[in-house]
Protein backbone atom coordinates (compact mmCIF):
# COMPACT_ATOMS: atom_id res chain seq x y z
CA MET A 1 -56.35 13.90 1.93
CA GLU A 2 -53.41 15.98 3.17
CA ALA A 3 -55.76 18.59 4.63
CA ARG A 4 -57.73 15.94 6.49
CA LEU A 5 -54.62 14.29 7.90
CA SER A 6 -53.11 17.61 8.93
CA GLY A 7 -56.40 18.48 10.57
CA GLU A 8 -55.99 15.50 12.91
CA LEU A 9 -52.99 17.30 14.35
CA GLY A 10 -54.74 20.62 14.47
CA VAL A 11 -52.36 22.06 11.88
CA GLY A 12 -52.26 22.48 8.15
CA GLY A 13 -50.01 23.18 5.21
CA ARG A 14 -46.43 23.99 6.14
CA HIS A 15 -47.22 23.61 9.86
CA GLY A 16 -48.52 20.10 9.15
CA SER A 17 -45.24 19.15 7.48
CA PHE A 18 -43.28 20.60 10.39
CA ALA A 19 -45.33 18.64 12.93
CA ALA A 20 -44.98 15.37 11.01
CA TYR A 21 -41.23 15.76 10.59
CA ALA A 22 -40.81 16.90 14.20
CA LEU A 23 -42.47 13.70 15.44
CA LEU A 24 -40.25 11.62 13.18
CA ALA A 25 -37.16 13.50 14.39
CA LEU A 26 -38.22 12.90 18.01
CA ASP A 27 -38.50 9.16 17.36
CA LEU A 28 -35.13 8.99 15.64
CA ALA A 29 -33.47 11.02 18.41
CA ALA A 30 -34.90 8.67 21.06
CA LEU A 31 -33.68 5.67 19.08
CA GLY A 32 -30.24 7.25 18.72
CA TRP A 33 -30.04 7.69 22.48
CA VAL A 34 -30.96 4.01 23.02
CA ILE A 35 -28.05 2.98 20.79
CA LEU A 36 -25.63 5.41 22.45
CA GLU A 37 -26.78 4.35 25.91
CA SER A 38 -25.66 0.77 25.33
CA PHE A 39 -22.05 1.99 25.17
CA LEU A 40 -22.30 4.06 28.37
CA PRO A 41 -22.01 2.78 31.94
CA GLU A 42 -25.27 2.78 33.85
CA GLY A 43 -25.58 5.67 36.25
CA PRO A 44 -27.77 8.53 37.48
CA VAL A 45 -27.07 10.72 34.42
CA VAL A 46 -28.03 8.00 31.95
CA PHE A 47 -31.18 7.15 33.88
CA ALA A 48 -32.09 10.85 34.12
CA VAL A 49 -31.89 11.20 30.34
CA ASP A 50 -34.05 8.09 29.94
CA VAL A 51 -36.72 9.49 32.25
CA ALA A 52 -36.56 12.91 30.56
CA ILE A 53 -37.10 11.35 27.14
CA GLY A 54 -39.93 9.28 28.58
CA LEU A 55 -41.63 12.39 29.94
CA VAL A 56 -41.32 14.15 26.57
CA LEU A 57 -42.80 11.15 24.79
CA ALA A 58 -45.56 10.89 27.37
CA ALA A 59 -46.43 14.58 26.87
CA GLU A 60 -46.48 14.10 23.09
CA LEU A 61 -48.73 11.04 23.46
CA VAL A 62 -51.14 12.88 25.78
CA MET A 63 -51.33 15.87 23.40
CA ARG A 64 -52.02 13.58 20.46
CA LEU A 65 -54.72 11.70 22.36
CA ARG A 66 -56.39 14.98 23.37
CA SER A 67 -56.37 16.42 19.84
CA SER A 68 -57.18 13.31 17.79
CA ARG A 69 -60.26 11.14 18.14
CA SER A 70 -58.70 8.48 15.91
CA ALA A 71 -55.75 8.21 18.31
CA ARG A 72 -58.12 7.69 21.24
CA ARG A 73 -60.03 5.04 19.31
CA GLU A 74 -56.79 3.21 18.51
CA LEU A 75 -55.80 3.13 22.16
CA CYS A 76 -59.23 1.97 23.32
CA ARG A 77 -59.23 -0.80 20.70
CA LEU A 78 -55.67 -1.84 21.66
CA HIS A 79 -54.35 -1.08 18.18
CA PRO A 80 -50.73 -2.33 17.78
CA GLY A 81 -49.52 1.17 16.92
CA ALA A 82 -51.10 2.69 20.02
CA LEU A 83 -49.75 -0.10 22.21
CA ALA A 84 -46.27 0.47 20.76
CA ASP A 85 -46.53 4.15 21.70
CA LEU A 86 -47.55 3.31 25.26
CA LEU A 87 -44.88 0.63 25.68
CA ALA A 88 -42.22 3.03 24.41
CA VAL A 89 -43.12 5.61 27.04
CA LEU A 90 -43.17 3.01 29.80
CA ALA A 91 -39.84 1.57 28.61
CA PHE A 92 -38.09 4.90 29.03
CA LEU A 93 -39.76 5.78 32.33
CA ALA A 94 -38.89 2.35 33.74
CA ALA A 95 -35.25 2.53 32.56
CA PRO A 96 -33.81 2.96 36.10
CA PHE A 97 -35.52 -0.31 37.08
CA GLU A 98 -35.48 -2.28 33.80
CA PRO A 99 -32.71 -0.80 31.59
CA GLY A 100 -32.32 -1.86 28.00
CA TRP A 101 -35.94 -2.02 26.88
CA GLY A 102 -36.01 1.42 25.25
CA PHE A 103 -35.60 -0.29 21.87
CA LEU A 104 -39.41 -0.65 21.85
CA ARG A 105 -39.44 2.99 20.76
CA SER A 106 -38.34 1.88 17.31
CA LEU A 107 -41.79 0.33 16.79
CA ARG A 108 -43.19 3.86 16.86
CA THR A 109 -40.70 4.88 14.16
CA LEU A 110 -42.07 2.18 11.90
CA ARG A 111 -45.64 3.34 12.51
CA LEU A 112 -44.71 6.93 11.68
CA LEU A 113 -42.86 5.99 8.51
CA ARG A 114 -45.81 3.91 7.35
CA SER A 115 -48.49 6.41 8.40
CA ALA A 116 -50.39 8.17 5.66
CA ARG A 117 -49.64 11.58 7.16
CA VAL A 118 -45.86 11.30 6.85
CA VAL A 119 -46.09 9.61 3.46
CA VAL A 120 -48.18 12.51 2.16
CA HIS A 121 -45.56 15.03 3.24
CA LEU A 122 -42.64 12.95 1.97
CA ARG A 123 -44.30 12.47 -1.41
CA ARG A 124 -44.92 16.21 -1.69
CA ASP A 125 -41.54 17.41 -0.43
CA LEU A 126 -39.12 14.75 -1.75
CA PRO A 127 -39.27 13.80 -5.46
CA LEU A 128 -36.89 10.89 -4.82
CA PHE A 129 -39.31 9.42 -2.26
CA ARG A 130 -42.23 10.00 -4.64
CA GLN A 131 -40.49 7.98 -7.35
CA ASN A 132 -39.35 5.14 -5.08
CA GLN A 133 -41.98 4.96 -2.35
CA GLU A 134 -42.21 1.15 -2.27
CA ALA A 135 -38.45 0.78 -1.92
CA PHE A 136 -38.27 3.37 0.88
CA VAL A 137 -41.08 1.72 2.83
CA ALA A 138 -39.56 -1.76 2.38
CA ALA A 139 -36.16 -0.43 3.49
CA ALA A 140 -37.80 1.18 6.55
CA ASP A 141 -39.47 -2.13 7.44
CA LEU A 142 -36.15 -3.97 7.22
CA ALA A 143 -34.23 -1.30 9.15
CA VAL A 144 -36.77 -1.21 11.98
CA PHE A 145 -36.88 -5.01 12.14
CA ILE A 146 -33.10 -5.10 12.47
CA THR A 147 -33.24 -2.37 15.13
CA VAL A 148 -35.95 -4.11 17.15
CA MET A 149 -34.30 -7.53 16.98
CA THR A 150 -30.93 -6.00 17.86
CA GLY A 151 -32.57 -4.37 20.88
CA ILE A 152 -34.15 -7.66 21.92
CA VAL A 153 -30.82 -9.50 21.62
CA HIS A 154 -29.02 -6.80 23.60
CA ALA A 155 -31.70 -6.52 26.28
CA THR A 156 -31.95 -10.28 26.85
CA GLN A 157 -28.27 -11.20 26.53
CA HIS A 158 -25.96 -8.43 27.74
CA ASP A 159 -26.38 -9.26 31.44
CA HIS A 160 -25.27 -12.90 31.17
CA ASN A 161 -23.71 -13.36 27.71
CA PRO A 162 -20.14 -11.98 27.60
CA GLN A 163 -20.26 -12.05 23.79
CA ILE A 164 -22.96 -9.33 23.80
CA ALA A 165 -21.26 -6.40 25.53
CA HIS A 166 -23.06 -3.55 23.78
CA TRP A 167 -25.43 -2.64 20.96
CA ALA A 168 -22.80 -3.14 18.23
CA ASP A 169 -22.28 -6.77 19.25
CA ALA A 170 -26.03 -7.37 19.16
CA LEU A 171 -26.26 -5.68 15.75
CA TYR A 172 -23.42 -7.83 14.44
CA PHE A 173 -25.17 -11.01 15.56
CA THR A 174 -28.52 -9.89 14.16
CA VAL A 175 -27.10 -9.11 10.71
CA THR A 176 -25.09 -12.33 10.51
CA ALA A 177 -28.18 -14.33 11.53
CA LEU A 178 -30.42 -12.41 9.12
CA THR A 179 -28.09 -13.05 6.19
CA THR A 180 -27.70 -16.69 7.36
CA THR A 181 -23.92 -16.17 7.31
CA GLY A 182 -23.62 -17.35 10.91
CA PHE A 183 -19.90 -16.91 11.58
CA GLY A 184 -20.34 -18.57 14.97
CA ASP A 185 -18.12 -16.22 16.96
CA ILE A 186 -21.26 -14.90 18.72
CA THR A 187 -24.07 -17.25 19.68
CA LEU A 188 -27.20 -17.09 21.81
CA PRO A 189 -27.24 -19.98 24.30
CA GLY A 190 -30.28 -21.95 25.35
CA THR A 191 -33.63 -22.66 23.74
CA ALA A 192 -34.74 -19.02 23.88
CA GLY A 193 -31.55 -17.96 22.11
CA ARG A 194 -32.02 -20.52 19.35
CA LEU A 195 -35.65 -19.51 18.84
CA THR A 196 -34.62 -15.84 18.66
CA SER A 197 -32.08 -16.76 15.98
CA VAL A 198 -34.74 -18.62 14.00
CA VAL A 199 -37.11 -15.62 14.13
CA ILE A 200 -34.33 -13.30 12.93
CA MET A 201 -33.47 -15.60 10.04
CA LEU A 202 -37.02 -16.30 8.84
CA ALA A 203 -38.53 -12.84 9.24
CA GLY A 204 -35.36 -11.02 8.23
CA VAL A 205 -34.92 -12.94 4.99
CA THR A 206 -38.58 -12.31 4.13
CA LEU A 207 -38.18 -8.55 4.62
CA PHE A 208 -34.90 -8.56 2.70
CA LEU A 209 -36.54 -10.31 -0.26
CA ARG A 210 -39.39 -7.81 -0.13
CA LEU A 211 -36.87 -4.96 -0.32
CA ALA A 212 -35.15 -6.62 -3.27
CA GLN A 213 -38.49 -7.00 -5.03
CA ALA A 214 -39.33 -3.35 -4.42
CA LEU A 215 -35.95 -2.31 -5.84
CA PHE A 216 -35.83 -4.55 -8.88
CA ARG A 217 -39.47 -5.44 -9.54
CA PRO A 218 -41.84 -2.77 -8.16
CA THR A 219 -45.42 -3.76 -7.49
CA LYS A 220 -46.52 -0.75 -9.58
CA VAL A 221 -45.19 0.56 -12.87
CA ARG A 222 -44.98 4.25 -13.71
CA PHE A 223 -46.81 5.10 -16.91
CA ARG A 224 -48.90 8.23 -17.31
CA CYS A 225 -52.42 7.70 -18.64
CA GLN A 226 -53.00 10.02 -21.59
CA ALA A 227 -56.65 10.48 -20.64
CA CYS A 228 -56.65 11.20 -16.89
CA GLY A 229 -52.97 11.48 -15.99
CA LEU A 230 -52.84 8.61 -13.47
CA GLY A 231 -49.17 7.67 -13.23
CA ARG A 232 -49.10 4.29 -11.41
CA HIS A 233 -50.60 1.05 -12.70
CA GLU A 234 -50.40 -2.71 -12.23
CA PRO A 235 -47.62 -4.28 -14.32
CA ASP A 236 -50.13 -6.22 -16.44
CA ALA A 237 -52.76 -3.44 -16.68
CA VAL A 238 -54.47 -3.05 -20.05
CA HIS A 239 -56.91 -0.32 -19.05
CA CYS A 240 -56.52 2.58 -16.62
CA LYS A 241 -58.29 1.75 -13.36
CA ALA A 242 -59.27 5.41 -12.91
CA CYS A 243 -60.86 6.23 -16.26
CA GLY A 244 -60.84 2.98 -18.24
CA ALA A 245 -58.72 4.32 -21.09
CA LEU A 246 -56.61 1.86 -23.06
CA LEU A 247 -52.98 1.74 -21.88
CA ASN A 248 -49.89 0.82 -23.84
CA ILE A 249 -47.36 0.09 -21.09
CA PRO A 250 -43.99 -0.93 -22.56
CA ASP A 251 -42.94 -4.50 -21.82
CA ASP A 252 -39.44 -4.61 -20.33
CA ASP A 253 -38.96 -8.16 -21.61
CA GLY A 254 -39.67 -7.08 -25.16
């Protein structure tokens, strides 16, 4: 599987790991700039950095489309991941005209973290990730949701809501809404603001509960089959799904 996925990038082995991690680092760096940018005054330098990042992301997208047939198919079929890539590039390139929408880049981070290619490399290189993959993925989902919703709040409110001055204010509101704490010192006025708050509360709580389930009640249990060596099974499994051998998974309640 790893060889096939690395082949989609035109690389293999150690070069495949480097390419996967480089793409992830590029996404995180772009997201870091979006956060930093919210604290900086708008000006030619800030817009120049936005456009430069957009050009780098556009070049990366073009290279991936040229080297991967699956990437071209995703774009032609309007796959959500491919659309997120395209919107991220446009968001950075359009920053001088529509600042604040670079948060869409975080959608690409979620797609990379959930992609099989990066998961393969993380499982191989990081034992901690291999042992807690469900928890890491659930945490990534929650973190990206918070980042995206914070970006939406900042982009739609900072121009006319004095309570949302920068990214930190938007993050503060998002977290208080997600946890249903609702201190009330920052609010989103109007119907659109109330609906945004509802989305944050409903979707955020769902993702938070999923993370808690992954941490305290994983969907898979780790028990090595004595016959074939398969190490992950359903909690109520009696037989190994790979070879059919009888399992004797310890019951935590017993």
